[in-house]
């Protein structure tokens, strides 16, 4: 079975939304999950339409459902939309600026000054 470890297997999205609304109400649901379909003119039908088209929002709703019902939580997903956390390995190495001193020989004259007529 491919769904053996999925605690949401067999549970419809409509059931999830309905149970969350019964438990929390629209206002509390909107404060827990900041999406417009829960804030402005909420309904189960409009929420289902949005959640079916928006995977990140659906993930948040499913996570809240699992947490509210004390079911096993999935491992965190890799969210490629967010910038990666800064770490030492990802930093660019700083470049060393070349020294811009004029080259001089030991007598204090510029190198090759005698060739170019500056000596």
N, C-alpha and C. Protein backbone atom coordinates (compact mmCIF):
# COMPACT_ATOMS: atom_id res chain seq x y z
N UNK A 1 0.83 -1.18 0.00
CA UNK A 1 0.00 0.00 0.00
C UNK A 1 0.87 1.26 0.00
N UNK A 2 0.52 2.21 -0.83
CA UNK A 2 1.29 3.45 -0.87
C UNK A 2 0.79 4.47 0.14
N UNK A 3 -0.40 4.30 0.65
CA UNK A 3 -0.99 5.26 1.59
C UNK A 3 -0.99 4.74 3.03
N UNK A 4 -0.25 3.69 3.29
CA UNK A 4 -0.29 3.06 4.61
C UNK A 4 0.10 4.02 5.74
N UNK A 5 1.05 4.92 5.50
CA UNK A 5 1.52 5.82 6.55
C UNK A 5 0.89 7.21 6.46
N UNK A 6 -0.12 7.39 5.63
CA UNK A 6 -0.75 8.69 5.47
C UNK A 6 -2.00 8.76 6.38
N UNK A 7 -1.93 9.58 7.44
CA UNK A 7 -3.09 9.65 8.33
C UNK A 7 -4.30 10.33 7.70
N UNK A 8 -4.12 11.02 6.58
CA UNK A 8 -5.23 11.69 5.90
C UNK A 8 -5.88 10.82 4.81
N UNK A 9 -5.36 9.61 4.62
CA UNK A 9 -5.91 8.73 3.59
C UNK A 9 -7.38 8.44 3.87
N UNK A 10 -8.21 8.71 2.86
CA UNK A 10 -9.64 8.44 2.97
C UNK A 10 -10.45 9.58 3.56
N UNK A 11 -9.80 10.65 3.98
CA UNK A 11 -10.52 11.80 4.54
C UNK A 11 -10.62 12.87 3.46
N UNK A 12 -11.85 13.28 3.16
CA UNK A 12 -12.06 14.29 2.13
C UNK A 12 -11.67 15.67 2.65
N UNK A 13 -11.24 16.52 1.72
CA UNK A 13 -10.88 17.89 2.07
C UNK A 13 -12.11 18.62 2.66
N UNK A 14 -13.27 18.33 2.13
CA UNK A 14 -14.50 18.94 2.64
C UNK A 14 -14.71 18.57 4.11
N UNK A 15 -14.45 17.33 4.45
CA UNK A 15 -14.58 16.89 5.84
C UNK A 15 -13.59 17.62 6.74
N UNK A 16 -12.38 17.79 6.25
CA UNK A 16 -11.34 18.48 7.03
C UNK A 16 -11.77 19.92 7.31
N UNK A 17 -12.18 20.63 6.26
CA UNK A 17 -12.59 22.04 6.42
C UNK A 17 -13.80 22.14 7.34
N UNK A 18 -14.78 21.30 7.13
CA UNK A 18 -16.00 21.33 7.94
C UNK A 18 -15.69 21.09 9.42
N UNK A 19 -14.86 20.11 9.71
CA UNK A 19 -14.52 19.82 11.10
C UNK A 19 -13.72 20.95 11.74
N UNK A 20 -12.83 21.57 10.98
CA UNK A 20 -12.06 22.69 11.52
C UNK A 20 -12.96 23.89 11.81
N UNK A 21 -13.93 24.13 10.93
CA UNK A 21 -14.86 25.23 11.14
C UNK A 21 -15.73 24.96 12.37
N UNK A 22 -16.17 23.72 12.54
CA UNK A 22 -16.97 23.36 13.72
C UNK A 22 -16.16 23.52 15.00
N UNK A 23 -14.89 23.16 14.95
CA UNK A 23 -14.05 23.22 16.14
C UNK A 23 -13.62 24.64 16.48
N UNK A 24 -13.18 25.41 15.47
CA UNK A 24 -12.60 26.73 15.71
C UNK A 24 -13.51 27.90 15.33
N UNK A 25 -14.33 27.72 14.32
CA UNK A 25 -15.10 28.84 13.77
C UNK A 25 -14.24 29.57 12.74
N UNK A 26 -14.89 30.38 11.90
CA UNK A 26 -14.16 31.04 10.80
C UNK A 26 -13.13 32.04 11.31
N UNK A 27 -13.49 32.82 12.33
CA UNK A 27 -12.56 33.84 12.83
C UNK A 27 -11.29 33.23 13.39
N UNK A 28 -11.43 32.24 14.23
CA UNK A 28 -10.26 31.57 14.81
C UNK A 28 -9.45 30.85 13.74
N UNK A 29 -10.14 30.25 12.79
CA UNK A 29 -9.45 29.57 11.69
C UNK A 29 -8.64 30.57 10.87
N UNK A 30 -9.21 31.75 10.62
CA UNK A 30 -8.51 32.80 9.88
C UNK A 30 -7.31 33.32 10.65
N UNK A 31 -7.39 33.36 11.97
CA UNK A 31 -6.24 33.82 12.74
C UNK A 31 -5.14 32.76 12.81
N UNK A 32 -5.52 31.50 12.76
CA UNK A 32 -4.52 30.42 12.78
C UNK A 32 -3.87 30.21 11.42
N UNK A 33 -4.66 30.36 10.36
CA UNK A 33 -4.15 30.22 8.99
C UNK A 33 -4.54 31.48 8.24
N UNK A 34 -3.56 32.29 7.92
CA UNK A 34 -3.80 33.60 7.35
C UNK A 34 -4.03 33.51 5.84
N UNK A 35 -5.26 33.14 5.46
CA UNK A 35 -5.63 33.11 4.04
C UNK A 35 -6.99 33.79 3.89
N UNK A 36 -7.17 34.47 2.78
CA UNK A 36 -8.35 35.30 2.57
C UNK A 36 -9.65 34.50 2.52
N UNK A 37 -9.62 33.26 2.05
CA UNK A 37 -10.86 32.49 1.95
C UNK A 37 -11.46 32.19 3.33
N UNK A 38 -10.67 32.36 4.40
CA UNK A 38 -11.19 32.20 5.75
C UNK A 38 -11.56 33.55 6.37
N UNK A 39 -11.10 34.65 5.77
CA UNK A 39 -11.29 35.97 6.36
C UNK A 39 -12.51 36.71 5.80
N UNK A 40 -12.59 36.77 4.48
CA UNK A 40 -13.64 37.57 3.85
C UNK A 40 -14.70 36.68 3.22
N UNK A 41 -15.92 36.83 3.70
CA UNK A 41 -17.07 36.08 3.18
C UNK A 41 -16.77 34.58 3.10
N UNK A 42 -16.38 33.97 4.22
CA UNK A 42 -15.97 32.56 4.17
C UNK A 42 -17.14 31.60 3.98
N UNK A 43 -16.87 30.56 3.23
CA UNK A 43 -17.81 29.45 3.09
C UNK A 43 -17.00 28.20 2.80
N UNK A 44 -17.59 27.05 3.06
CA UNK A 44 -16.90 25.80 2.80
C UNK A 44 -16.63 25.67 1.31
N UNK A 45 -17.62 26.02 0.49
CA UNK A 45 -17.48 25.88 -0.96
C UNK A 45 -16.34 26.72 -1.51
N UNK A 46 -16.27 28.01 -1.12
CA UNK A 46 -15.21 28.88 -1.64
C UNK A 46 -13.84 28.45 -1.10
N UNK A 47 -13.81 27.99 0.13
CA UNK A 47 -12.56 27.52 0.71
C UNK A 47 -12.03 26.28 -0.01
N UNK A 48 -12.94 25.36 -0.32
CA UNK A 48 -12.53 24.15 -1.03
C UNK A 48 -11.98 24.50 -2.41
N UNK A 49 -12.63 25.42 -3.09
CA UNK A 49 -12.18 25.83 -4.42
C UNK A 49 -10.76 26.39 -4.34
N UNK A 50 -10.48 27.26 -3.35
CA UNK A 50 -9.17 27.85 -3.19
C UNK A 50 -8.13 26.80 -2.78
N UNK A 51 -8.47 25.96 -1.81
CA UNK A 51 -7.52 24.99 -1.29
C UNK A 51 -7.13 23.93 -2.32
N UNK A 52 -8.04 23.60 -3.22
CA UNK A 52 -7.72 22.63 -4.26
C UNK A 52 -6.75 23.18 -5.29
N UNK A 53 -6.73 24.50 -5.44
CA UNK A 53 -5.83 25.14 -6.41
C UNK A 53 -4.52 25.60 -5.79
N UNK A 54 -4.44 25.63 -4.46
CA UNK A 54 -3.29 26.23 -3.79
C UNK A 54 -2.66 25.24 -2.83
N UNK A 55 -1.63 24.53 -3.27
CA UNK A 55 -1.03 23.47 -2.44
C UNK A 55 -0.48 23.95 -1.10
N UNK A 56 0.15 25.13 -1.04
CA UNK A 56 0.73 25.58 0.22
C UNK A 56 -0.36 25.84 1.26
N UNK A 57 -1.50 26.36 0.83
CA UNK A 57 -2.60 26.62 1.76
C UNK A 57 -3.23 25.30 2.21
N UNK A 58 -3.37 24.38 1.29
CA UNK A 58 -3.93 23.07 1.63
C UNK A 58 -3.04 22.36 2.65
N UNK A 59 -1.72 22.47 2.45
CA UNK A 59 -0.79 21.85 3.41
C UNK A 59 -0.99 22.42 4.81
N UNK A 60 -1.20 23.72 4.91
CA UNK A 60 -1.41 24.34 6.22
C UNK A 60 -2.71 23.87 6.86
N UNK A 61 -3.76 23.75 6.07
CA UNK A 61 -5.05 23.29 6.60
C UNK A 61 -4.94 21.83 7.05
N UNK A 62 -4.31 21.00 6.24
CA UNK A 62 -4.16 19.59 6.61
C UNK A 62 -3.30 19.45 7.86
N UNK A 63 -2.25 20.26 7.97
CA UNK A 63 -1.39 20.22 9.15
C UNK A 63 -2.18 20.59 10.41
N UNK A 64 -2.99 21.64 10.33
CA UNK A 64 -3.81 22.04 11.47
C UNK A 64 -4.80 20.95 11.84
N UNK A 65 -5.38 20.30 10.85
CA UNK A 65 -6.32 19.21 11.11
C UNK A 65 -5.62 18.06 11.85
N UNK A 66 -4.44 17.70 11.37
CA UNK A 66 -3.69 16.62 12.02
C UNK A 66 -3.33 16.99 13.45
N UNK A 67 -2.88 18.23 13.64
CA UNK A 67 -2.50 18.70 14.97
C UNK A 67 -3.70 18.75 15.91
N UNK A 68 -4.83 19.23 15.40
CA UNK A 68 -6.04 19.35 16.22
C UNK A 68 -6.58 17.99 16.64
N UNK A 69 -6.39 16.99 15.81
CA UNK A 69 -6.90 15.65 16.10
C UNK A 69 -5.83 14.72 16.67
N UNK A 70 -4.66 15.31 17.00
CA UNK A 70 -3.55 14.56 17.59
C UNK A 70 -3.16 13.34 16.76
N UNK A 71 -3.11 13.53 15.45
CA UNK A 71 -2.66 12.50 14.53
C UNK A 71 -1.18 12.72 14.24
N UNK A 72 -0.49 11.70 13.73
CA UNK A 72 0.94 11.87 13.45
C UNK A 72 1.17 12.98 12.42
N UNK A 73 2.12 13.86 12.71
CA UNK A 73 2.42 14.97 11.83
C UNK A 73 3.44 14.56 10.78
N UNK A 74 3.31 15.07 9.56
CA UNK A 74 4.28 14.74 8.52
C UNK A 74 5.59 15.48 8.76
N UNK A 75 6.67 14.99 8.17
CA UNK A 75 7.94 15.72 8.28
C UNK A 75 7.83 17.05 7.54
N UNK A 76 8.58 18.06 7.95
CA UNK A 76 8.50 19.35 7.27
C UNK A 76 8.89 19.24 5.80
N UNK A 77 8.16 19.98 4.97
CA UNK A 77 8.44 19.95 3.54
C UNK A 77 9.51 20.97 3.21
N UNK A 78 10.26 20.70 2.14
CA UNK A 78 11.24 21.65 1.65
C UNK A 78 10.49 22.70 0.87
N UNK A 79 10.48 23.91 1.36
CA UNK A 79 9.76 25.01 0.72
C UNK A 79 10.74 25.82 -0.11
N UNK A 80 10.75 25.57 -1.41
CA UNK A 80 11.72 26.22 -2.28
C UNK A 80 11.36 27.67 -2.57
N UNK A 81 10.16 28.12 -2.17
CA UNK A 81 9.78 29.51 -2.40
C UNK A 81 10.46 30.44 -1.40
N UNK A 82 10.81 29.95 -0.26
CA UNK A 82 11.43 30.78 0.76
C UNK A 82 12.93 30.80 0.57
N UNK A 83 13.57 31.93 0.90
CA UNK A 83 15.03 31.96 0.78
C UNK A 83 15.67 31.03 1.80
N UNK A 84 16.75 30.43 1.40
CA UNK A 84 17.44 29.49 2.27
C UNK A 84 18.01 30.22 3.48
N UNK A 85 18.08 29.51 4.58
CA UNK A 85 18.65 30.10 5.79
C UNK A 85 20.14 30.33 5.57
N UNK A 86 20.64 31.45 6.01
CA UNK A 86 22.07 31.71 5.79
C UNK A 86 22.91 30.79 6.65
N UNK A 87 23.95 30.26 6.04
CA UNK A 87 24.91 29.45 6.80
C UNK A 87 26.30 29.70 6.24
N UNK A 88 27.28 29.25 6.94
CA UNK A 88 28.66 29.55 6.57
C UNK A 88 29.03 28.94 5.22
N UNK A 89 28.50 27.78 4.90
CA UNK A 89 28.87 27.12 3.65
C UNK A 89 28.32 27.84 2.43
N UNK A 90 27.21 28.53 2.59
CA UNK A 90 26.56 29.17 1.46
C UNK A 90 27.11 30.57 1.17
N UNK A 91 27.90 31.11 2.09
CA UNK A 91 28.41 32.46 1.88
C UNK A 91 29.47 32.47 0.79
N UNK A 92 29.47 33.56 0.03
CA UNK A 92 30.47 33.71 -1.00
C UNK A 92 31.79 34.10 -0.35
N UNK A 93 32.90 33.55 -0.85
CA UNK A 93 34.18 33.95 -0.28
C UNK A 93 34.49 35.39 -0.67
N UNK A 94 35.08 36.11 0.25
CA UNK A 94 35.43 37.49 -0.03
C UNK A 94 36.69 37.52 -0.89
N UNK A 95 36.66 38.38 -1.88
CA UNK A 95 37.82 38.48 -2.76
C UNK A 95 38.84 39.43 -2.15
N UNK A 96 40.09 39.10 -2.37
CA UNK A 96 41.17 39.93 -1.87
C UNK A 96 41.51 40.94 -2.95
N UNK A 97 41.47 42.21 -2.59
CA UNK A 97 41.78 43.25 -3.57
C UNK A 97 43.29 43.26 -3.83
N UNK A 98 43.62 43.45 -5.08
CA UNK A 98 45.03 43.53 -5.46
C UNK A 98 45.63 44.81 -4.89
N UNK A 99 46.86 44.71 -4.48
CA UNK A 99 47.52 45.89 -3.97
C UNK A 99 47.84 46.82 -5.13
N UNK A 100 47.63 48.11 -4.92
CA UNK A 100 47.80 49.06 -6.02
C UNK A 100 48.98 50.00 -5.79
N UNK A 101 49.96 49.56 -4.99
CA UNK A 101 51.15 50.38 -4.80
C UNK A 101 51.95 50.39 -6.10
N UNK A 102 52.60 51.51 -6.35
CA UNK A 102 53.48 51.57 -7.51
C UNK A 102 54.71 50.73 -7.22
N UNK A 103 55.13 50.00 -8.21
CA UNK A 103 56.32 49.18 -8.04
C UNK A 103 57.56 50.06 -8.07
N UNK A 104 58.41 49.88 -7.10
CA UNK A 104 59.67 50.61 -7.07
C UNK A 104 60.79 49.64 -6.80
N UNK A 105 61.97 50.00 -7.27
CA UNK A 105 63.12 49.16 -6.94
C UNK A 105 63.72 49.65 -5.63
N UNK A 106 64.86 49.10 -5.23
CA UNK A 106 65.43 49.43 -3.92
C UNK A 106 65.96 50.85 -3.84
N UNK A 107 66.21 51.49 -4.97
CA UNK A 107 66.73 52.86 -4.92
C UNK A 107 65.62 53.89 -4.78
N UNK A 108 64.38 53.47 -4.82
CA UNK A 108 63.28 54.40 -4.69
C UNK A 108 62.75 54.88 -6.02
N UNK A 109 63.42 54.50 -7.11
CA UNK A 109 62.94 54.87 -8.44
C UNK A 109 61.89 53.86 -8.89
N UNK A 110 60.93 54.32 -9.69
CA UNK A 110 59.98 53.36 -10.26
C UNK A 110 60.73 52.34 -11.13
N UNK A 111 60.21 51.11 -11.14
CA UNK A 111 60.81 50.04 -11.94
C UNK A 111 60.74 50.43 -13.40
N UNK A 112 61.77 50.20 -14.14
CA UNK A 112 61.91 50.48 -15.56
C UNK A 112 61.82 51.98 -15.89
N UNK A 113 62.10 52.83 -14.91
CA UNK A 113 62.04 54.27 -15.14
C UNK A 113 63.07 54.69 -16.17
N UNK A 114 64.23 54.00 -16.17
CA UNK A 114 65.26 54.39 -17.12
C UNK A 114 64.87 54.05 -18.56
N UNK A 115 64.03 53.03 -18.74
CA UNK A 115 63.60 52.66 -20.08
C UNK A 115 62.62 53.70 -20.62
N UNK A 116 61.73 54.16 -19.77
CA UNK A 116 60.67 55.06 -20.20
C UNK A 116 61.05 56.54 -20.08
N UNK A 117 62.22 56.79 -19.69
CA UNK A 117 62.70 58.17 -19.62
C UNK A 117 62.31 58.88 -18.35
N UNK A 118 61.95 58.13 -17.31
CA UNK A 118 61.55 58.77 -16.05
C UNK A 118 62.67 58.65 -15.00
N UNK A 119 63.85 58.44 -15.41
CA UNK A 119 64.86 58.19 -14.42
C UNK A 119 65.92 59.11 -14.42
